[in-house]
Structure formats: C-alpha cells, structure tokens
C-alpha cells in the first residue's frame, strides 16, 4: 500500500494536476456531509463525488481521498491490502463513521486494521459547547473532555478518534501531532476561515 498527503488548491482547474502529482491513479473523492456513509470502491475511481464520509477498497490501482480543514482525516489498512479513509468530525464520531468503516473492511476480509491520523484541530483550539460535548462524551467516554488554552471546555478530537477506533478493535493508530488551527502550513476553517482543504490519500 502507498499513502500520502497533499494540499488541494482553491482553483478548480488545478485539481486534476495536483492529484496527479500525489499519485497518478483514478481518485475516489467524496462529497463529505459529516455523516456515517461508507462507499465500497470496486473499481479505480468508482464512487467519486458520492455523498459520504468514508471509502474502502480491496482493488489495486485505486486512490481514496478525504479532505479536511480541522476535522480528522483517518487512513486505515490491513495486511490483506484492504484500505480505507474516513473524514471524522464530531458529528461523524457521534454517528460512528469510523466504526462503520472498519466494519466494511472486516466484511471484505481484513483480519487486522491499523490506522493513521492526519493533522486536525486539537483541544487547545477547539472550544466546544457543553450540550454537544456531553453527547460525544456520552458515546466515547470522558477521554474526549478537555480545555482550551484559555481554560474553556473543549473537545479532544484525536482522543475521540482513538476511542472510536479502539472500540472497533483498532489499537494500532499512528498520529501526526499537528493542530491545524495552530499550524500556519495547514488549512483551518475555525482559526482562519480557510476555504481550501488538505487531502489525505491512500492507494494500492
């Protein structure tokens, strides 16, 4: 399996060229809706533009991508070569998008799933309303409760990802310790109202 990441620019005419600089394969990109939909990609490029927040494939020559600018981009892989990607914000965590993605991989024959978490917003920058924080904590546990740099209630998104994946049996998770809101090299909607996105891409 190969994996990589790249920025997707603001100019639509540049998108295909930018994709080819990362990996010159048909991409399955998603019209992300902060839900729990998982696309099963059965041929390279299939499902592109589908309203969903995750995709999975066992097909060689396929590239799977999710875009993010604070939400958590997650890459998943198995020894059998089954791969997946998921876009997980707080709503996706509530709905179980990560668990659903792992389940689809296991249904395809994945014996063990490992994961990688890309740059996303961290608790110090992610002030969160108490009612919604209670909902996420009620599902994933108190580990998601944190405070911002100013001491206000916050959601620990990486902890939520780890808890959700752990509940699905994924205990091997490598994380890039970068907060998109703090990093000048990454897009952030919350910190700077950026309209562009990072892309997390996995391929076989």
N, C-alpha and C. Protein backbone atom coordinates (compact mmCIF):
# COMPACT_ATOMS: atom_id res chain seq x y z
N UNK A 1 0.84 -1.19 0.00
CA UNK A 1 0.00 0.00 0.00
C UNK A 1 0.87 1.24 0.00
N UNK A 2 0.48 2.25 -0.78
CA UNK A 2 1.12 3.55 -0.70
C UNK A 2 0.20 4.49 0.04
N UNK A 3 0.74 5.55 0.59
CA UNK A 3 -0.10 6.57 1.19
C UNK A 3 0.62 7.90 1.07
N UNK A 4 -0.15 9.00 1.13
CA UNK A 4 0.48 10.30 1.02
C UNK A 4 -0.50 11.39 1.31
N UNK A 5 -0.06 12.60 1.27
CA UNK A 5 -0.94 13.73 1.52
C UNK A 5 -0.52 14.91 0.67
N UNK A 6 -1.46 15.77 0.40
CA UNK A 6 -1.17 16.97 -0.39
C UNK A 6 -2.24 17.99 -0.13
N UNK A 7 -1.91 19.24 -0.41
CA UNK A 7 -2.92 20.29 -0.37
C UNK A 7 -3.72 20.25 -1.66
N UNK A 8 -5.01 20.48 -1.55
CA UNK A 8 -5.86 20.67 -2.71
C UNK A 8 -6.15 22.15 -2.80
N UNK A 9 -5.79 22.77 -3.93
CA UNK A 9 -5.85 24.22 -4.04
C UNK A 9 -7.25 24.77 -4.23
N UNK A 10 -7.34 26.08 -4.22
CA UNK A 10 -8.63 26.76 -4.33
C UNK A 10 -9.10 26.86 -5.77
N UNK A 11 -8.20 26.69 -6.75
CA UNK A 11 -8.55 26.87 -8.15
C UNK A 11 -8.93 25.53 -8.76
N UNK A 12 -10.17 25.40 -9.22
CA UNK A 12 -10.69 24.11 -9.68
C UNK A 12 -9.86 23.56 -10.84
N UNK A 13 -9.37 24.42 -11.73
CA UNK A 13 -8.62 23.95 -12.88
C UNK A 13 -7.33 23.24 -12.50
N UNK A 14 -6.85 23.49 -11.28
CA UNK A 14 -5.60 22.89 -10.85
C UNK A 14 -5.79 21.53 -10.19
N UNK A 15 -7.03 21.14 -9.89
CA UNK A 15 -7.25 19.98 -9.04
C UNK A 15 -6.71 18.71 -9.66
N UNK A 16 -7.03 18.43 -10.93
CA UNK A 16 -6.56 17.19 -11.54
C UNK A 16 -5.04 17.13 -11.60
N UNK A 17 -4.41 18.24 -11.93
CA UNK A 17 -2.95 18.27 -11.99
C UNK A 17 -2.36 18.04 -10.60
N UNK A 18 -2.95 18.63 -9.60
CA UNK A 18 -2.45 18.44 -8.24
C UNK A 18 -2.60 16.99 -7.80
N UNK A 19 -3.73 16.38 -8.18
CA UNK A 19 -3.92 14.97 -7.83
C UNK A 19 -2.83 14.11 -8.44
N UNK A 20 -2.50 14.38 -9.71
CA UNK A 20 -1.51 13.55 -10.39
C UNK A 20 -0.13 13.69 -9.76
N UNK A 21 0.17 14.84 -9.15
CA UNK A 21 1.47 15.00 -8.51
C UNK A 21 1.57 14.15 -7.24
N UNK A 22 0.43 13.81 -6.66
CA UNK A 22 0.44 12.94 -5.48
C UNK A 22 0.51 11.49 -5.90
N UNK A 23 -0.46 11.05 -6.70
CA UNK A 23 -0.46 9.70 -7.25
C UNK A 23 -1.30 9.72 -8.52
N UNK A 24 -0.72 9.21 -9.60
CA UNK A 24 -1.38 9.26 -10.91
C UNK A 24 -2.27 8.02 -11.08
N UNK A 25 -3.33 7.99 -10.29
CA UNK A 25 -4.33 6.93 -10.33
C UNK A 25 -5.71 7.59 -10.27
N UNK A 26 -6.76 6.89 -10.68
CA UNK A 26 -8.10 7.46 -10.51
C UNK A 26 -8.43 7.63 -9.03
N UNK A 27 -8.87 8.83 -8.67
CA UNK A 27 -9.19 9.14 -7.28
C UNK A 27 -10.67 8.93 -7.00
N UNK A 28 -10.97 8.36 -5.86
CA UNK A 28 -12.32 8.40 -5.32
C UNK A 28 -12.34 9.48 -4.24
N UNK A 29 -12.91 10.62 -4.59
CA UNK A 29 -13.08 11.72 -3.63
C UNK A 29 -14.56 11.77 -3.30
N UNK A 30 -14.90 12.34 -2.17
CA UNK A 30 -16.27 12.28 -1.66
C UNK A 30 -16.86 13.67 -1.46
N UNK A 31 -18.15 13.76 -1.61
CA UNK A 31 -18.88 14.98 -1.24
C UNK A 31 -19.26 14.81 0.23
N UNK A 32 -18.38 15.27 1.10
CA UNK A 32 -18.47 14.97 2.52
C UNK A 32 -19.62 15.74 3.18
N UNK A 33 -20.37 15.00 4.01
CA UNK A 33 -21.61 15.56 4.58
C UNK A 33 -21.66 15.42 6.10
N UNK A 34 -20.53 15.11 6.73
CA UNK A 34 -20.46 14.94 8.18
C UNK A 34 -21.42 13.86 8.66
N UNK A 35 -21.46 12.76 7.90
CA UNK A 35 -22.33 11.65 8.24
C UNK A 35 -21.53 10.39 8.50
N UNK A 36 -22.20 9.23 8.26
CA UNK A 36 -21.54 7.95 8.51
C UNK A 36 -21.53 7.05 7.29
N UNK A 37 -21.77 7.62 6.11
CA UNK A 37 -21.80 6.82 4.90
C UNK A 37 -20.42 6.35 4.48
N UNK A 38 -20.34 5.08 4.05
CA UNK A 38 -19.09 4.47 3.60
C UNK A 38 -19.30 3.94 2.19
N UNK A 39 -18.44 4.35 1.26
CA UNK A 39 -18.51 3.92 -0.12
C UNK A 39 -17.58 2.73 -0.32
N UNK A 40 -18.10 1.64 -0.87
CA UNK A 40 -17.27 0.50 -1.24
C UNK A 40 -16.83 0.69 -2.68
N UNK A 41 -15.53 0.88 -2.89
CA UNK A 41 -14.97 1.18 -4.21
C UNK A 41 -14.53 -0.12 -4.86
N UNK A 42 -15.24 -0.53 -5.92
CA UNK A 42 -14.98 -1.82 -6.55
C UNK A 42 -14.19 -1.72 -7.85
N UNK A 43 -13.92 -0.48 -8.28
CA UNK A 43 -13.04 -0.26 -9.43
C UNK A 43 -12.38 1.10 -9.24
N UNK A 44 -11.18 1.32 -9.77
CA UNK A 44 -10.48 2.58 -9.56
C UNK A 44 -11.33 3.79 -9.96
N UNK A 45 -11.46 4.74 -9.05
CA UNK A 45 -12.22 5.95 -9.31
C UNK A 45 -13.71 5.82 -9.08
N UNK A 46 -14.22 4.62 -8.83
CA UNK A 46 -15.65 4.43 -8.63
C UNK A 46 -16.12 5.18 -7.38
N UNK A 47 -17.33 5.70 -7.44
CA UNK A 47 -17.92 6.38 -6.30
C UNK A 47 -17.49 7.81 -6.14
N UNK A 48 -16.66 8.34 -7.04
CA UNK A 48 -16.20 9.73 -6.92
C UNK A 48 -17.40 10.67 -6.90
N UNK A 49 -17.40 11.58 -5.94
CA UNK A 49 -18.47 12.56 -5.82
C UNK A 49 -19.66 12.09 -5.02
N UNK A 50 -19.61 10.88 -4.49
CA UNK A 50 -20.72 10.36 -3.68
C UNK A 50 -20.80 11.13 -2.37
N UNK A 51 -22.03 11.35 -1.91
CA UNK A 51 -22.25 11.99 -0.60
C UNK A 51 -21.97 10.95 0.48
N UNK A 52 -20.80 11.03 1.08
CA UNK A 52 -20.37 10.07 2.10
C UNK A 52 -19.14 10.66 2.78
N UNK A 53 -18.69 9.98 3.84
CA UNK A 53 -17.53 10.48 4.57
C UNK A 53 -16.44 9.44 4.74
N UNK A 54 -16.55 8.32 4.04
CA UNK A 54 -15.51 7.30 4.10
C UNK A 54 -15.61 6.44 2.85
N UNK A 55 -14.48 5.82 2.52
CA UNK A 55 -14.47 4.86 1.41
C UNK A 55 -13.49 3.75 1.74
N UNK A 56 -13.76 2.59 1.14
CA UNK A 56 -12.97 1.38 1.38
C UNK A 56 -12.79 0.67 0.06
N UNK A 57 -11.62 0.04 -0.13
CA UNK A 57 -11.42 -0.76 -1.34
C UNK A 57 -10.45 -1.91 -1.08
N UNK A 58 -10.62 -2.96 -1.88
CA UNK A 58 -9.64 -4.04 -1.95
C UNK A 58 -9.07 -4.11 -3.36
N UNK A 59 -9.29 -3.07 -4.15
CA UNK A 59 -8.95 -3.04 -5.57
C UNK A 59 -7.60 -2.36 -5.80
N UNK A 60 -6.73 -2.99 -6.54
CA UNK A 60 -5.46 -2.37 -6.91
C UNK A 60 -5.69 -1.23 -7.90
N UNK A 61 -4.83 -0.22 -7.83
CA UNK A 61 -4.93 0.91 -8.74
C UNK A 61 -5.94 1.96 -8.33
N UNK A 62 -6.48 1.83 -7.12
CA UNK A 62 -7.47 2.79 -6.62
C UNK A 62 -6.82 3.73 -5.62
N UNK A 63 -7.17 5.01 -5.69
CA UNK A 63 -6.73 6.01 -4.72
C UNK A 63 -7.96 6.56 -4.02
N UNK A 64 -7.95 6.53 -2.70
CA UNK A 64 -9.06 7.01 -1.88
C UNK A 64 -8.64 8.28 -1.17
N UNK A 65 -9.52 9.27 -1.15
CA UNK A 65 -9.15 10.56 -0.57
C UNK A 65 -10.28 11.13 0.28
N UNK A 66 -9.89 11.81 1.35
CA UNK A 66 -10.79 12.68 2.10
C UNK A 66 -10.13 14.04 2.27
N UNK A 67 -10.95 15.07 2.37
CA UNK A 67 -10.47 16.43 2.55
C UNK A 67 -10.80 16.90 3.95
N UNK A 68 -9.95 17.77 4.48
CA UNK A 68 -10.21 18.27 5.84
C UNK A 68 -9.56 19.63 6.04
N UNK A 69 -10.12 20.37 6.98
CA UNK A 69 -9.52 21.63 7.40
C UNK A 69 -9.85 21.87 8.86
N UNK A 70 -9.76 20.85 9.67
CA UNK A 70 -9.94 20.81 11.12
C UNK A 70 -10.47 19.44 11.54
N UNK A 71 -11.40 18.88 10.77
CA UNK A 71 -11.87 17.53 11.07
C UNK A 71 -10.71 16.54 10.94
N UNK A 72 -10.93 15.34 11.47
CA UNK A 72 -9.86 14.34 11.50
C UNK A 72 -9.87 13.50 10.23
N UNK A 73 -8.75 13.50 9.46
CA UNK A 73 -8.61 12.58 8.33
C UNK A 73 -7.91 11.31 8.81
N UNK A 74 -8.54 10.17 8.54
CA UNK A 74 -8.03 8.90 9.06
C UNK A 74 -7.79 7.93 7.91
N UNK A 75 -6.60 7.35 7.87
CA UNK A 75 -6.25 6.31 6.90
C UNK A 75 -6.22 4.98 7.61
N UNK A 76 -6.72 3.94 6.92
CA UNK A 76 -6.80 2.61 7.52
C UNK A 76 -6.26 1.58 6.52
N UNK A 77 -5.65 0.51 7.04
CA UNK A 77 -5.09 -0.52 6.18
C UNK A 77 -5.08 -1.85 6.91
N UNK A 78 -5.04 -2.93 6.11
CA UNK A 78 -4.97 -4.27 6.68
C UNK A 78 -3.86 -5.05 5.99
N UNK A 79 -3.39 -6.16 6.59
CA UNK A 79 -2.34 -6.96 5.96
C UNK A 79 -2.78 -7.54 4.61
N UNK A 80 -4.09 -7.68 4.42
CA UNK A 80 -4.61 -8.24 3.17
C UNK A 80 -4.64 -7.22 2.03
N UNK A 81 -4.26 -5.98 2.31
CA UNK A 81 -4.26 -4.95 1.28
C UNK A 81 -5.59 -4.21 1.16
N UNK A 82 -6.48 -4.43 2.09
CA UNK A 82 -7.73 -3.67 2.13
C UNK A 82 -7.44 -2.34 2.79
N UNK A 83 -7.85 -1.25 2.14
CA UNK A 83 -7.55 0.09 2.64
C UNK A 83 -8.83 0.91 2.76
N UNK A 84 -8.75 1.96 3.58
CA UNK A 84 -9.89 2.84 3.74
C UNK A 84 -9.45 4.22 4.18
N UNK A 85 -10.33 5.19 3.98
CA UNK A 85 -10.13 6.53 4.51
C UNK A 85 -11.45 7.00 5.11
N UNK A 86 -11.35 7.89 6.09
CA UNK A 86 -12.56 8.44 6.70
C UNK A 86 -12.32 9.88 7.11
N UNK A 87 -13.37 10.68 7.00
CA UNK A 87 -13.40 12.07 7.44
C UNK A 87 -14.26 12.09 8.70
N UNK A 88 -13.65 12.42 9.83
CA UNK A 88 -14.34 12.32 11.11
C UNK A 88 -14.32 13.64 11.86
N UNK A 89 -15.43 14.37 11.80
CA UNK A 89 -15.65 15.49 12.70
C UNK A 89 -16.46 14.99 13.88
N UNK A 90 -16.92 15.92 14.72
CA UNK A 90 -17.62 15.46 15.92
C UNK A 90 -18.94 14.79 15.57
N UNK A 91 -19.61 15.26 14.52
CA UNK A 91 -20.86 14.61 14.14
C UNK A 91 -20.61 13.20 13.61
N UNK A 92 -19.55 13.04 12.82
CA UNK A 92 -19.20 11.72 12.33
C UNK A 92 -18.85 10.77 13.46
N UNK A 93 -18.13 11.28 14.47
CA UNK A 93 -17.83 10.44 15.62
C UNK A 93 -19.10 9.98 16.32
N UNK A 94 -20.05 10.90 16.48
CA UNK A 94 -21.33 10.54 17.11
C UNK A 94 -22.06 9.47 16.32
N UNK A 95 -22.03 9.58 15.00
CA UNK A 95 -22.76 8.65 14.15
C UNK A 95 -22.04 7.32 13.95
N UNK A 96 -20.75 7.27 14.29
CA UNK A 96 -20.00 6.03 14.18
C UNK A 96 -19.34 5.79 12.84
N UNK A 97 -18.92 6.86 12.15
CA UNK A 97 -18.32 6.68 10.82
C UNK A 97 -17.06 5.83 10.86
N UNK A 98 -16.26 5.97 11.91
CA UNK A 98 -15.02 5.18 11.97
C UNK A 98 -15.32 3.71 12.19
N UNK A 99 -16.24 3.41 13.08
CA UNK A 99 -16.60 2.02 13.32
C UNK A 99 -17.20 1.38 12.07
N UNK A 100 -18.02 2.13 11.35
CA UNK A 100 -18.62 1.61 10.13
C UNK A 100 -17.56 1.32 9.07
N UNK A 101 -16.57 2.20 8.98
CA UNK A 101 -15.50 2.00 8.01
C UNK A 101 -14.71 0.74 8.32
N UNK A 102 -14.36 0.55 9.57
CA UNK A 102 -13.64 -0.66 9.98
C UNK A 102 -14.49 -1.90 9.70
N UNK A 103 -15.79 -1.83 9.96
CA UNK A 103 -16.65 -2.98 9.74
C UNK A 103 -16.70 -3.37 8.26
N UNK A 104 -16.78 -2.37 7.38
CA UNK A 104 -16.77 -2.67 5.94
C UNK A 104 -15.46 -3.35 5.55
N UNK A 105 -14.35 -2.88 6.12
CA UNK A 105 -13.07 -3.52 5.82
C UNK A 105 -13.05 -4.97 6.31
N UNK A 106 -13.58 -5.20 7.50
CA UNK A 106 -13.60 -6.56 8.03
C UNK A 106 -14.52 -7.45 7.21
N UNK A 107 -15.63 -6.89 6.73
CA UNK A 107 -16.54 -7.66 5.88
C UNK A 107 -15.85 -8.09 4.58
N UNK A 108 -14.88 -7.30 4.13
CA UNK A 108 -14.14 -7.64 2.92
C UNK A 108 -13.02 -8.66 3.18
N UNK A 109 -12.75 -8.93 4.46
CA UNK A 109 -11.73 -9.92 4.78
C UNK A 109 -10.54 -9.40 5.56
N UNK A 110 -10.59 -8.16 6.03
CA UNK A 110 -9.47 -7.63 6.81
C UNK A 110 -9.38 -8.37 8.15
N UNK A 111 -8.23 -8.94 8.42
CA UNK A 111 -8.05 -9.67 9.67
C UNK A 111 -7.62 -8.76 10.81
N UNK A 112 -6.97 -7.68 10.47
CA UNK A 112 -6.48 -6.72 11.46
C UNK A 112 -6.37 -5.36 10.77
N UNK A 113 -6.83 -4.32 11.43
CA UNK A 113 -6.82 -2.99 10.83
C UNK A 113 -5.91 -2.08 11.65
N UNK A 114 -5.03 -1.37 10.96
CA UNK A 114 -4.20 -0.35 11.59
C UNK A 114 -4.59 1.01 11.02
N UNK A 115 -4.25 2.08 11.74
CA UNK A 115 -4.68 3.39 11.30
C UNK A 115 -3.63 4.46 11.44
N UNK A 116 -3.88 5.56 10.75
CA UNK A 116 -3.05 6.77 10.85
C UNK A 116 -3.97 7.97 10.87
N UNK A 117 -3.73 8.87 11.79
CA UNK A 117 -4.50 10.10 11.94
C UNK A 117 -3.68 11.28 11.44
N UNK A 118 -4.23 12.00 10.47
CA UNK A 118 -3.54 13.16 9.94
C UNK A 118 -3.77 14.41 10.77
N UNK A 119 -3.25 15.56 10.32
CA UNK A 119 -3.43 16.81 11.05
C UNK A 119 -4.91 17.15 11.22
N UNK A 120 -5.26 17.59 12.42
CA UNK A 120 -6.63 18.02 12.71
C UNK A 120 -6.59 19.02 13.86
N UNK A 121 -7.71 19.61 14.16
CA UNK A 121 -7.74 20.57 15.25
C UNK A 121 -7.55 19.85 16.58
N UNK A 122 -6.82 20.47 17.50
CA UNK A 122 -6.57 19.89 18.81
C UNK A 122 -7.33 20.67 19.87
N UNK A 123 -7.39 20.08 21.04
CA UNK A 123 -8.25 20.60 22.10
C UNK A 123 -7.94 22.04 22.47
N UNK A 124 -6.68 22.42 22.44
CA UNK A 124 -6.33 23.78 22.88
C UNK A 124 -6.98 24.86 22.03
N UNK A 125 -7.42 24.49 20.84
CA UNK A 125 -8.04 25.44 19.93
C UNK A 125 -9.50 25.13 19.63
N UNK A 126 -10.07 24.13 20.28
CA UNK A 126 -11.38 23.62 19.88
C UNK A 126 -12.40 23.80 21.00
N UNK A 127 -12.75 25.06 21.29
CA UNK A 127 -13.80 25.33 22.27
C UNK A 127 -15.10 24.68 21.80
N UNK A 128 -15.81 24.09 22.74
CA UNK A 128 -16.96 23.26 22.39
C UNK A 128 -18.10 23.47 23.36
N UNK A 129 -19.30 23.58 22.82
CA UNK A 129 -20.48 23.79 23.67
C UNK A 129 -20.76 22.59 24.55
N UNK A 130 -21.21 22.87 25.77
CA UNK A 130 -21.42 21.81 26.76
C UNK A 130 -22.42 20.74 26.31
N UNK A 131 -23.57 21.09 25.73
CA UNK A 131 -24.52 20.03 25.34
C UNK A 131 -23.94 19.06 24.33
N UNK A 132 -23.24 19.58 23.30
CA UNK A 132 -22.66 18.68 22.30
C UNK A 132 -21.48 17.91 22.87
N UNK A 133 -20.71 18.54 23.74
CA UNK A 133 -19.60 17.83 24.38
C UNK A 133 -20.14 16.67 25.22
N UNK A 134 -21.25 16.89 25.89
CA UNK A 134 -21.87 15.82 26.68
C UNK A 134 -22.29 14.67 25.78
N UNK A 135 -22.80 14.98 24.60
CA UNK A 135 -23.23 13.93 23.67
C UNK A 135 -22.05 13.08 23.21
N UNK A 136 -20.95 13.74 22.86
CA UNK A 136 -19.78 12.99 22.40
C UNK A 136 -19.19 12.17 23.54
N UNK A 137 -19.11 12.78 24.73
CA UNK A 137 -18.57 12.07 25.89
C UNK A 137 -19.48 10.91 26.28
N UNK A 138 -20.78 11.08 26.12
CA UNK A 138 -21.70 10.00 26.43
C UNK A 138 -21.50 8.80 25.54
N UNK A 139 -21.02 9.03 24.34
CA UNK A 139 -20.79 7.92 23.40
C UNK A 139 -19.39 7.35 23.51
N UNK A 140 -18.39 8.23 23.66
CA UNK A 140 -16.99 7.79 23.57
C UNK A 140 -16.23 7.86 24.89
N UNK A 141 -16.85 8.43 25.91
CA UNK A 141 -16.20 8.46 27.21
C UNK A 141 -15.61 9.82 27.56
N UNK A 142 -15.27 9.97 28.83
CA UNK A 142 -14.78 11.25 29.34
C UNK A 142 -13.43 11.64 28.74
N UNK A 143 -12.76 10.71 28.07
CA UNK A 143 -11.46 11.00 27.48
C UNK A 143 -11.54 12.14 26.47
N UNK A 144 -12.72 12.40 25.90
CA UNK A 144 -12.84 13.45 24.90
C UNK A 144 -12.98 14.83 25.53
N UNK A 145 -13.19 14.90 26.83
CA UNK A 145 -13.34 16.19 27.51
C UNK A 145 -11.97 16.81 27.74
N UNK A 146 -11.84 18.09 27.40
CA UNK A 146 -10.57 18.79 27.58
C UNK A 146 -10.86 20.27 27.80
N UNK A 147 -9.81 21.07 27.82
CA UNK A 147 -9.96 22.52 27.93
C UNK A 147 -9.10 23.20 26.88
N UNK A 148 -9.52 24.39 26.47
CA UNK A 148 -8.74 25.17 25.52
C UNK A 148 -7.55 25.80 26.23
N UNK A 149 -6.74 26.48 25.45
CA UNK A 149 -5.60 27.20 26.03
C UNK A 149 -6.06 28.27 27.01
N UNK A 150 -7.33 28.74 26.84
CA UNK A 150 -7.88 29.75 27.74
C UNK A 150 -8.67 29.14 28.88
N UNK A 151 -8.72 27.82 28.95
CA UNK A 151 -9.39 27.14 30.05
C UNK A 151 -10.88 26.89 29.84
N UNK A 152 -11.36 27.04 28.61
CA UNK A 152 -12.77 26.79 28.34
C UNK A 152 -12.99 25.33 27.92
N UNK A 153 -14.23 24.84 28.05
CA UNK A 153 -14.50 23.45 27.66
C UNK A 153 -14.14 23.20 26.20
N UNK A 154 -13.53 22.06 25.93
CA UNK A 154 -13.06 21.75 24.59
C UNK A 154 -13.27 20.27 24.30
N UNK A 155 -13.31 19.96 23.00
CA UNK A 155 -13.34 18.57 22.55
C UNK A 155 -11.94 18.16 22.12
N UNK A 156 -11.50 17.03 22.63
CA UNK A 156 -10.22 16.44 22.21
C UNK A 156 -10.53 15.50 21.04
N UNK A 157 -10.44 16.02 19.83
CA UNK A 157 -10.80 15.24 18.65
C UNK A 157 -9.89 14.02 18.45
N UNK A 158 -8.55 14.17 18.57
CA UNK A 158 -7.72 12.97 18.43
C UNK A 158 -8.07 11.89 19.45
N UNK A 159 -8.41 12.29 20.67
CA UNK A 159 -8.81 11.29 21.67
C UNK A 159 -10.10 10.61 21.27
N UNK A 160 -11.02 11.37 20.66
CA UNK A 160 -12.25 10.77 20.18
C UNK A 160 -12.02 9.77 19.07
N UNK A 161 -11.11 10.10 18.16
CA UNK A 161 -10.76 9.17 17.09
C UNK A 161 -10.17 7.89 17.67
N UNK A 162 -9.26 8.06 18.61
CA UNK A 162 -8.61 6.89 19.21
C UNK A 162 -9.64 6.02 19.94
N UNK A 163 -10.58 6.66 20.65
CA UNK A 163 -11.60 5.92 21.39
C UNK A 163 -12.53 5.17 20.44
N UNK A 164 -12.95 5.83 19.36
CA UNK A 164 -13.85 5.20 18.41
C UNK A 164 -13.18 4.01 17.73
N UNK A 165 -11.94 4.20 17.29
CA UNK A 165 -11.22 3.11 16.64
C UNK A 165 -10.93 1.98 17.62
N UNK A 166 -10.59 2.34 18.85
CA UNK A 166 -10.35 1.32 19.86
C UNK A 166 -11.58 0.46 20.09
N UNK A 167 -12.74 1.09 20.10
CA UNK A 167 -13.97 0.35 20.25
C UNK A 167 -14.25 -0.58 19.10
N UNK A 168 -13.66 -0.28 17.93
CA UNK A 168 -13.82 -1.12 16.74
C UNK A 168 -12.69 -2.14 16.62
N UNK A 169 -11.81 -2.19 17.62
CA UNK A 169 -10.73 -3.16 17.61
C UNK A 169 -9.43 -2.69 17.00
N UNK A 170 -9.36 -1.39 16.66
CA UNK A 170 -8.13 -0.84 16.07
C UNK A 170 -7.32 -0.18 17.18
N UNK A 171 -6.28 -0.84 17.61
CA UNK A 171 -5.46 -0.31 18.71
C UNK A 171 -4.13 0.24 18.22
N UNK A 172 -3.77 -0.05 16.98
CA UNK A 172 -2.51 0.46 16.39
C UNK A 172 -2.85 1.69 15.56
N UNK A 173 -2.71 2.87 16.17
CA UNK A 173 -3.01 4.13 15.49
C UNK A 173 -1.82 5.05 15.61
N UNK A 174 -1.24 5.42 14.48
CA UNK A 174 -0.16 6.40 14.44
C UNK A 174 -0.77 7.78 14.17
N UNK A 175 -0.36 8.77 14.92
CA UNK A 175 -0.95 10.10 14.78
C UNK A 175 0.10 11.14 14.46
N UNK A 176 -0.23 12.03 13.51
CA UNK A 176 0.59 13.20 13.22
C UNK A 176 0.19 14.27 14.23
N UNK A 177 1.11 14.66 15.07
CA UNK A 177 0.78 15.57 16.17
C UNK A 177 0.82 17.03 15.70
N UNK A 178 -0.13 17.38 14.84
CA UNK A 178 -0.21 18.75 14.31
C UNK A 178 -1.63 19.25 14.47
N UNK A 179 -1.76 20.42 15.09
CA UNK A 179 -3.07 21.08 15.21
C UNK A 179 -3.24 22.02 14.01
N UNK A 180 -4.28 21.80 13.22
CA UNK A 180 -4.48 22.63 12.03
C UNK A 180 -4.72 24.09 12.38
N UNK A 181 -5.34 24.35 13.52
CA UNK A 181 -5.60 25.74 13.91
C UNK A 181 -4.32 26.46 14.31
N UNK A 182 -3.36 25.74 14.85
CA UNK A 182 -2.09 26.34 15.27
C UNK A 182 -1.09 26.45 14.12
N UNK A 183 -1.18 25.53 13.17
CA UNK A 183 -0.17 25.43 12.12
C UNK A 183 -0.43 26.41 10.99
N UNK A 184 0.58 27.20 10.65
CA UNK A 184 0.47 28.12 9.51
C UNK A 184 0.60 27.38 8.19
N UNK A 185 0.98 26.11 8.21
CA UNK A 185 1.18 25.33 7.00
C UNK A 185 -0.04 24.48 6.65
N UNK A 186 -1.09 24.58 7.43
CA UNK A 186 -2.29 23.78 7.19
C UNK A 186 -3.52 24.68 7.16
N UNK A 187 -4.53 24.24 6.42
CA UNK A 187 -5.77 24.99 6.36
C UNK A 187 -6.59 24.74 7.62
N UNK A 188 -7.28 25.79 8.09
CA UNK A 188 -8.16 25.67 9.24
C UNK A 188 -9.38 26.57 9.03
N UNK A 189 -10.55 25.96 9.06
CA UNK A 189 -11.78 26.75 8.96
C UNK A 189 -12.02 27.53 10.25
N UNK A 190 -11.83 26.87 11.38
CA UNK A 190 -12.14 27.51 12.66
C UNK A 190 -11.19 28.66 12.96
N UNK A 191 -9.92 28.49 12.70
CA UNK A 191 -8.95 29.52 13.07
C UNK A 191 -8.90 30.66 12.08
N UNK A 192 -8.99 30.34 10.76
CA UNK A 192 -8.74 31.37 9.75
C UNK A 192 -9.82 31.43 8.66
N UNK A 193 -10.89 30.64 8.81
CA UNK A 193 -11.96 30.58 7.82
C UNK A 193 -11.42 30.22 6.42
N UNK A 194 -10.40 29.36 6.39
CA UNK A 194 -9.87 28.89 5.11
C UNK A 194 -10.93 28.09 4.37
N UNK A 195 -11.04 28.31 3.07
CA UNK A 195 -11.99 27.54 2.27
C UNK A 195 -11.31 26.38 1.54
N UNK A 196 -10.00 26.35 1.49
CA UNK A 196 -9.26 25.23 0.89
C UNK A 196 -9.10 24.11 1.92
N UNK A 197 -8.66 22.97 1.46
CA UNK A 197 -8.59 21.79 2.32
C UNK A 197 -7.29 21.01 2.09
N UNK A 198 -6.84 20.30 3.12
CA UNK A 198 -5.82 19.27 2.96
C UNK A 198 -6.48 18.02 2.38
N UNK A 199 -5.69 17.20 1.70
CA UNK A 199 -6.18 15.91 1.25
C UNK A 199 -5.33 14.80 1.86
N UNK A 200 -6.01 13.84 2.45
CA UNK A 200 -5.35 12.60 2.89
C UNK A 200 -5.70 11.55 1.84
N UNK A 201 -4.67 10.90 1.30
CA UNK A 201 -4.87 9.96 0.20
C UNK A 201 -4.18 8.64 0.54
N UNK A 202 -4.89 7.54 0.28
CA UNK A 202 -4.28 6.21 0.39
C UNK A 202 -4.52 5.48 -0.93
N UNK A 203 -3.59 4.62 -1.28
CA UNK A 203 -3.76 3.89 -2.53
C UNK A 203 -3.06 2.55 -2.49
N UNK A 204 -3.47 1.68 -3.42
CA UNK A 204 -2.81 0.38 -3.61
C UNK A 204 -2.11 0.39 -4.96
